[in-house]
Protein backbone atom coordinates (compact mmCIF):
# COMPACT_ATOMS: atom_id res chain seq x y z
CA MET A 1 105.58 3.28 104.97
CA ALA A 2 106.13 5.62 107.93
CA LEU A 3 106.56 4.03 111.36
CA LEU A 4 103.16 5.25 112.64
CA GLU A 5 101.25 5.63 109.38
CA GLY A 6 97.49 5.46 109.97
CA LYS A 7 97.77 5.66 113.76
CA THR A 8 96.07 8.16 116.04
CA ALA A 9 97.73 9.42 119.22
CA LEU A 10 96.60 11.42 122.23
CA VAL A 11 99.40 13.31 123.98
CA THR A 12 98.60 15.00 127.28
CA GLY A 13 100.75 18.00 128.05
CA GLY A 14 101.64 18.22 124.37
CA GLY A 15 101.94 21.99 124.07
CA ARG A 16 105.37 22.56 125.56
CA GLY A 17 108.66 20.96 126.50
CA ILE A 18 109.01 17.19 126.32
CA GLY A 19 105.36 16.75 125.31
CA ARG A 20 105.75 19.11 122.36
CA GLY A 21 108.75 17.16 121.08
CA ILE A 22 106.80 13.92 121.37
CA VAL A 23 103.85 15.35 119.41
CA LEU A 24 106.11 16.46 116.58
CA SER A 25 107.97 13.14 116.49
CA LEU A 26 104.74 11.14 116.36
CA ALA A 27 103.45 13.39 113.59
CA ALA A 28 106.70 13.07 111.65
CA CYS A 29 106.29 9.30 111.87
CA GLY A 30 102.85 9.54 110.26
CA ALA A 31 100.45 9.68 113.22
CA SER A 32 97.48 11.99 113.62
CA VAL A 33 97.74 13.65 117.03
CA VAL A 34 95.29 15.10 119.54
CA ILE A 35 97.32 17.71 121.42
CA ASN A 36 96.00 18.06 124.94
CA ASP A 37 97.32 21.11 126.78
CA LEU A 38 95.90 23.65 129.19
CA GLY A 39 98.69 26.11 128.55
CA ALA A 40 98.98 26.43 132.31
CA SER A 41 101.85 27.69 134.42
CA LEU A 42 104.31 25.25 135.99
CA SER A 43 102.14 25.22 139.09
CA GLY A 44 99.08 24.36 137.00
CA GLU A 45 97.41 27.76 137.13
CA GLY A 46 95.89 29.72 134.24
CA ARG A 47 95.07 28.74 130.68
CA ASP A 48 96.64 29.68 127.35
CA ARG A 49 95.65 28.06 124.06
CA GLY A 50 98.66 29.61 122.32
CA PRO A 51 101.23 26.83 122.92
CA ALA A 52 98.90 24.10 121.61
CA GLU A 53 97.99 26.19 118.57
CA GLN A 54 101.66 26.69 117.76
CA VAL A 55 102.35 22.95 118.00
CA LEU A 56 99.31 22.21 115.83
CA ALA A 57 100.70 24.54 113.16
CA GLU A 58 104.02 22.66 113.32
CA VAL A 59 102.21 19.33 113.03
CA GLN A 60 100.36 20.54 109.95
CA ALA A 61 103.59 21.87 108.46
CA LEU A 62 104.88 18.29 108.64
CA GLY A 63 101.92 17.20 106.53
CA ALA A 64 100.21 15.44 109.44
CA ASP A 65 96.75 15.89 110.95
CA GLY A 66 96.19 17.26 114.43
CA ALA A 67 93.58 18.62 116.79
CA ILE A 68 93.66 20.57 120.03
CA ASN A 69 92.07 19.57 123.31
CA GLY A 70 92.10 22.09 126.15
CA GLY A 71 90.72 19.88 128.92
CA SER A 72 92.36 19.01 132.23
CA VAL A 73 93.54 15.44 132.78
CA ALA A 74 92.81 15.95 136.47
CA ASP A 75 89.09 16.04 135.65
CA TYR A 76 87.58 12.62 134.94
CA ALA A 77 84.94 13.84 132.49
CA SER A 78 87.45 15.99 130.60
CA ALA A 79 89.84 13.06 130.26
CA ASN A 80 87.05 10.88 128.88
CA ALA A 81 86.27 13.66 126.40
CA MET A 82 89.85 13.60 125.11
CA VAL A 83 89.54 9.95 124.18
CA GLU A 84 86.13 10.55 122.63
CA GLN A 85 87.51 13.49 120.63
CA ALA A 86 90.31 11.34 119.19
CA VAL A 87 87.82 8.73 117.98
CA ALA A 88 85.31 11.31 116.72
CA THR A 89 87.99 13.26 114.84
CA PHE A 90 90.23 10.52 113.46
CA GLY A 91 88.11 7.36 113.76
CA ARG A 92 90.33 5.52 116.25
CA LEU A 93 92.84 5.80 119.09
CA ASP A 94 96.02 3.73 118.96
CA ILE A 95 98.47 5.59 121.19
CA VAL A 96 98.22 7.39 124.53
CA VAL A 97 101.18 9.37 125.87
CA HIS A 98 100.78 10.94 129.30
CA ALA A 99 103.21 13.85 129.61
CA ALA A 100 101.07 16.39 131.47
CA GLY A 101 102.49 17.60 134.74
CA VAL A 102 102.75 20.38 137.29
CA LEU A 103 105.20 21.22 140.06
CA ARG A 104 104.57 22.30 143.64
CA ASP A 105 107.98 21.64 145.21
CA ARG A 106 108.34 21.69 148.98
CA MET A 107 110.03 19.60 151.66
CA ILE A 108 107.73 17.04 153.25
CA PHE A 109 107.64 18.88 156.59
CA ASN A 110 106.48 22.10 154.87
CA MET A 111 104.12 20.77 152.20
CA THR A 112 100.47 21.77 152.26
CA GLU A 113 97.59 19.44 151.48
CA GLU A 114 96.71 21.55 148.43
CA GLU A 115 100.26 21.24 147.07
CA TRP A 116 100.10 17.48 147.52
CA ASP A 117 96.66 17.10 145.95
CA ALA A 118 97.40 19.31 142.94
CA VAL A 119 100.42 17.28 141.84
CA ILE A 120 98.85 13.87 142.48
CA ALA A 121 95.72 14.96 140.57
CA VAL A 122 97.53 15.83 137.34
CA HIS A 123 100.27 13.21 137.26
CA LEU A 124 98.79 10.07 138.81
CA LYS A 125 95.03 10.56 138.78
CA GLY A 126 95.43 12.16 135.37
CA LEU A 127 96.98 8.97 134.01
CA PHE A 128 94.11 6.89 135.44
CA ASN A 129 91.53 9.31 134.09
CA VAL A 130 92.86 8.90 130.55
CA LEU A 131 93.59 5.18 130.77
CA ARG A 132 90.14 4.23 132.03
CA PRO A 133 88.37 5.03 128.73
CA ALA A 134 91.42 4.40 126.53
CA THR A 135 92.03 0.86 127.80
CA ALA A 136 88.35 -0.02 127.38
CA LEU A 137 88.61 1.06 123.76
CA MET A 138 91.94 -0.68 123.17
CA ARG A 139 90.63 -3.87 124.74
CA GLN A 140 87.84 -3.95 122.17
CA GLN A 141 90.11 -3.23 119.22
CA LYS A 142 92.79 -5.61 120.60
CA SER A 143 95.65 -3.21 120.01
CA GLY A 144 97.19 -0.12 121.53
CA ARG A 145 100.28 1.54 122.90
CA ILE A 146 100.49 3.43 126.20
CA ILE A 147 103.55 5.39 127.24
CA ALA A 148 103.58 7.20 130.58
CA LEU A 149 106.23 9.70 131.54
CA ALA A 150 107.48 9.27 135.10
CA SER A 151 110.72 10.66 136.52
CA GLY A 152 113.92 9.70 138.26
CA SER A 153 112.49 11.76 141.12
CA ALA A 154 110.33 8.70 141.85
CA TYR A 155 113.41 7.19 143.45
CA GLY A 156 113.50 9.74 146.23
CA ASP A 157 114.00 13.40 145.38
CA PRO A 158 113.95 15.03 148.84
CA GLY A 159 112.47 18.32 147.64
CA GLN A 160 109.61 16.77 145.67
CA PRO A 161 107.65 14.36 147.92
CA ASN A 162 104.40 14.93 146.00
CA TYR A 163 106.06 14.66 142.59
CA ALA A 164 108.11 11.63 143.65
CA ALA A 165 105.03 9.85 144.98
CA ALA A 166 103.03 10.64 141.84
CA LYS A 167 105.78 9.43 139.53
CA ALA A 168 106.35 6.25 141.55
CA GLY A 169 102.60 5.70 141.38
CA ILE A 170 102.73 6.07 137.60
CA ILE A 171 105.30 3.28 137.46
CA GLY A 172 103.08 1.00 139.58
CA LEU A 173 99.95 1.84 137.60
CA SER A 174 101.81 1.18 134.37
CA TYR A 175 103.05 -2.21 135.58
CA SER A 176 99.44 -3.09 136.49
CA THR A 177 98.13 -1.88 133.14
CA ALA A 178 100.81 -3.80 131.25
CA ASN A 179 99.84 -7.03 132.99
CA ALA A 180 96.11 -6.43 132.53
CA MET A 181 96.25 -5.45 128.85
CA ALA A 182 98.91 -7.81 127.48
CA LYS A 183 96.41 -10.44 126.38
CA TYR A 184 94.59 -7.81 124.32
CA GLY A 185 97.66 -6.83 122.31
CA VAL A 186 98.13 -3.60 124.28
CA THR A 187 101.45 -2.53 125.77
CA CYS A 188 102.18 -0.04 128.54
CA ASN A 189 105.67 1.27 129.20
CA VAL A 190 107.26 4.05 131.22
CA VAL A 191 109.86 6.62 130.23
CA LEU A 192 111.89 8.56 132.79
CA PRO A 193 112.82 11.65 130.77
CA THR A 194 115.62 14.11 131.26
CA GLY A 195 115.95 17.40 129.46
CA THR A 196 116.32 21.09 130.11
CA THR A 197 112.77 22.45 129.96
CA ARG A 198 111.00 25.50 131.39
CA MET A 199 110.95 23.59 134.69
CA ILE A 200 114.73 24.05 134.80
CA ASP A 201 114.35 27.67 133.68
CA SER A 202 112.22 28.31 136.77
CA LYS A 203 115.13 27.65 139.14
CA PRO A 204 116.91 30.68 140.65
CA GLU A 205 120.28 29.60 139.26
CA SER A 206 118.80 29.58 135.75
CA ARG A 207 118.07 33.31 135.96
CA VAL A 208 121.74 33.86 136.77
CA ILE A 209 122.66 31.95 133.62
CA PHE A 210 120.18 34.02 131.59
CA GLU A 211 121.58 37.29 132.90
CA LYS A 212 125.12 36.18 132.00
CA THR A 213 124.47 34.62 128.60
CA GLY A 214 121.18 36.12 127.37
CA LYS A 215 119.74 32.61 126.98
CA TRP A 216 117.64 30.52 129.31
CA PRO A 217 119.01 26.99 129.86
CA SER A 218 116.16 25.52 127.78
CA GLU A 219 117.21 27.68 124.81
CA ALA A 220 120.87 26.74 125.17
CA ALA A 221 119.97 23.04 125.33
CA LYS A 222 118.69 22.82 121.75
CA GLY A 223 120.63 20.22 119.79
CA THR A 224 122.66 19.14 122.81
CA PRO A 225 122.42 16.06 125.07
CA LYS A 226 120.19 18.18 127.34
CA ASP A 227 117.61 18.87 124.64
CA PRO A 228 114.18 17.59 125.82
CA ASP A 229 113.43 16.56 122.23
CA ASN A 230 115.85 13.65 122.74
CA VAL A 231 113.07 11.83 124.61
CA ALA A 232 110.76 11.73 121.58
CA PRO A 233 112.44 9.03 119.43
CA LEU A 234 112.09 6.49 122.24
CA VAL A 235 108.41 7.32 122.71
CA SER A 236 107.72 7.08 118.98
CA PHE A 237 109.39 3.67 118.83
CA LEU A 238 107.43 2.39 121.84
CA ALA A 239 104.26 3.67 120.16
CA SER A 240 104.90 1.60 117.04
CA ASP A 241 103.98 -1.94 116.01
CA ARG A 242 107.69 -2.77 116.05
CA ALA A 243 107.63 -2.43 119.85
CA GLY A 244 104.90 -5.04 120.27
CA GLY A 245 107.23 -7.24 122.32
CA VAL A 246 108.13 -4.47 124.76
CA ASN A 247 105.68 -4.32 127.66
CA GLY A 248 105.84 -3.36 131.32
CA GLN A 249 109.30 -1.82 131.00
CA VAL A 250 110.88 1.34 132.36
CA PHE A 251 113.38 3.30 130.26
CA HIS A 252 115.52 6.29 131.21
CA SER A 253 116.16 8.83 128.47
CA HIS A 254 119.47 10.53 129.23
CA GLY A 255 121.50 12.54 126.74
CA PHE A 256 121.60 10.92 123.32
CA GLY A 257 120.91 7.46 124.78
CA TYR A 258 118.32 5.27 126.46
CA THR A 259 118.76 3.02 129.48
CA LEU A 260 116.64 -0.03 130.28
CA VAL A 261 115.92 0.07 134.01
CA ASP A 262 115.98 -3.12 136.08
CA GLN A 263 112.70 -4.66 137.17
CA PRO A 264 112.06 -5.15 140.90
CA ARG A 265 113.93 -8.23 142.08
CA ILE A 266 114.69 -9.93 145.39
CA LEU A 267 118.18 -9.45 146.83
CA ALA A 268 118.41 -11.53 150.00
CA ARG A 269 116.26 -13.44 152.51
CA LEU A 270 116.37 -14.60 156.11
CA ASP A 271 114.44 -17.86 156.45
CA SER A 272 113.36 -20.09 159.33
CA THR A 273 111.29 -23.17 160.12
CA SER A 274 109.55 -21.31 162.95
CA ALA A 275 108.54 -17.79 163.96
CA TRP A 276 111.24 -15.25 164.79
CA THR A 277 111.44 -13.10 167.88
CA PRO A 278 112.42 -9.46 167.24
CA GLU A 279 115.70 -10.08 169.07
CA GLN A 280 116.53 -13.15 166.94
CA LEU A 281 115.70 -11.21 163.78
CA ALA A 282 117.85 -8.26 164.82
CA ALA A 283 120.82 -10.52 165.50
CA ALA A 284 120.45 -12.43 162.23
CA PHE A 285 119.98 -9.20 160.28
CA GLU A 286 123.14 -7.68 161.74
CA SER A 287 125.16 -10.84 161.06
CA PHE A 288 123.90 -11.70 157.60
CA MET A 289 121.56 -9.30 155.77
CA ALA A 290 122.98 -5.93 156.78
CA LYS A 291 125.90 -6.26 154.37
CA ASP A 292 123.50 -6.90 151.49
CA VAL A 293 121.32 -3.82 152.00
CA PRO A 294 122.00 -1.56 149.01
CA PRO A 295 122.58 2.18 149.35
CA ARG A 296 119.71 4.57 148.81
CA PRO A 297 119.00 5.29 145.12
CA GLU A 298 121.50 7.70 143.65
CA LEU A 299 120.18 11.05 142.43
CA PRO A 300 120.11 12.29 139.74
CA PHE A 301 118.86 8.87 138.77
CA GLY A 302 120.59 6.98 135.99
CA ARG A 303 123.63 9.23 135.55
CA GLU A 304 125.94 6.37 136.47
CA VAL A 305 125.91 5.42 132.78
CA ASP A 306 128.27 8.36 132.29
CA ARG A 307 130.89 6.45 134.29
CA ILE A 308 130.83 3.18 132.34
CA ASP A 309 134.29 2.00 131.27
CA PRO A 310 134.76 2.73 127.53
CA ALA A 311 136.09 -0.81 127.08
CA ASP A 312 132.72 -2.25 128.15
CA TRP A 313 130.80 -0.75 125.22
CA GLN A 314 129.89 -2.74 122.10
CA PRO A 315 130.00 -0.70 118.86
CA ILE A 316 126.84 -0.44 116.75
CA ASP A 317 127.88 1.93 113.97
CA THR A 318 129.52 5.32 113.67
CA GLY A 319 128.92 7.25 116.87
CA ARG A 320 126.59 4.61 118.37
CA ARG A 321 127.26 1.86 120.90
CA TYR A 322 125.59 -0.56 123.34
CA TRP A 323 126.25 -1.60 126.95
CA ARG A 324 124.70 -4.32 129.07
CA ARG A 325 125.34 -5.13 132.71
CA ALA A 326 127.69 -8.07 133.27
CA GLY A 327 125.79 -11.20 134.20
CA GLN A 328 122.69 -10.38 132.17
CA PRO A 329 121.41 -13.48 130.32
CA ALA A 330 122.39 -13.38 126.65
């Protein structure tokens, strides 16, 4: 029996890039898929049904069932309609993957209110808009899988304050949803994807590459560690019954591997039996806590796995291996 046989999935932003790869992976694993996609530009403007129609044809070529939804996740009523369409078309909804997104990059001191609102509306409000009806349904059926795509940019990309805030908000919303829905048999996890998509193609340096090689970076990435399709196997696993014990976790998809990201944890504390004065706190901080303050998050996030000592890896089978941080409980 296929991993997702008999399941129905809704994938927002499923017409291109990482979302497209996820749709095809879910379908290959046996799921019926509602492909939500506006066919908009990177900035969220315009509409084009073509990308979703092409993905639907690929889904059907795999022998799976699919349907197209052209609504905007930023609109509450449209997001509700996506969930209703999944149930009306396939009789149920088991999986929600939120991959829809737009970019409006700008430094914080130059960003307009419209650029802020547009990104928050699709990424963060869009996730809420879909989860509100989906979680109500999953609560009743006492099962479900939610996978939200965030980004390493959540840890402080200086040129993407709106995107970083939206993606960090997705992580917080997903933690909340995981805690709220656990008792109903529903899981909610986050994936921080990497991959060379049309977002990378939009950069000025990518045009230079195209002019030199005749290929955009996203074309050259196919089959390599930079292929955005590498994200899809992790999402399909998290969408399955076999991932029932995985809830409230953040994973980073990087290359041909997947990193489990640490949960928030306390690092150090200054304590007292009475109230501090600011001067006392400053002195104690400088003497004790200052040395324990970690550096700012490294960007690009998660690439430190490329520097792990080869001797620290545990072999799995040919070409595959596993690493865990020293001191982790066995």
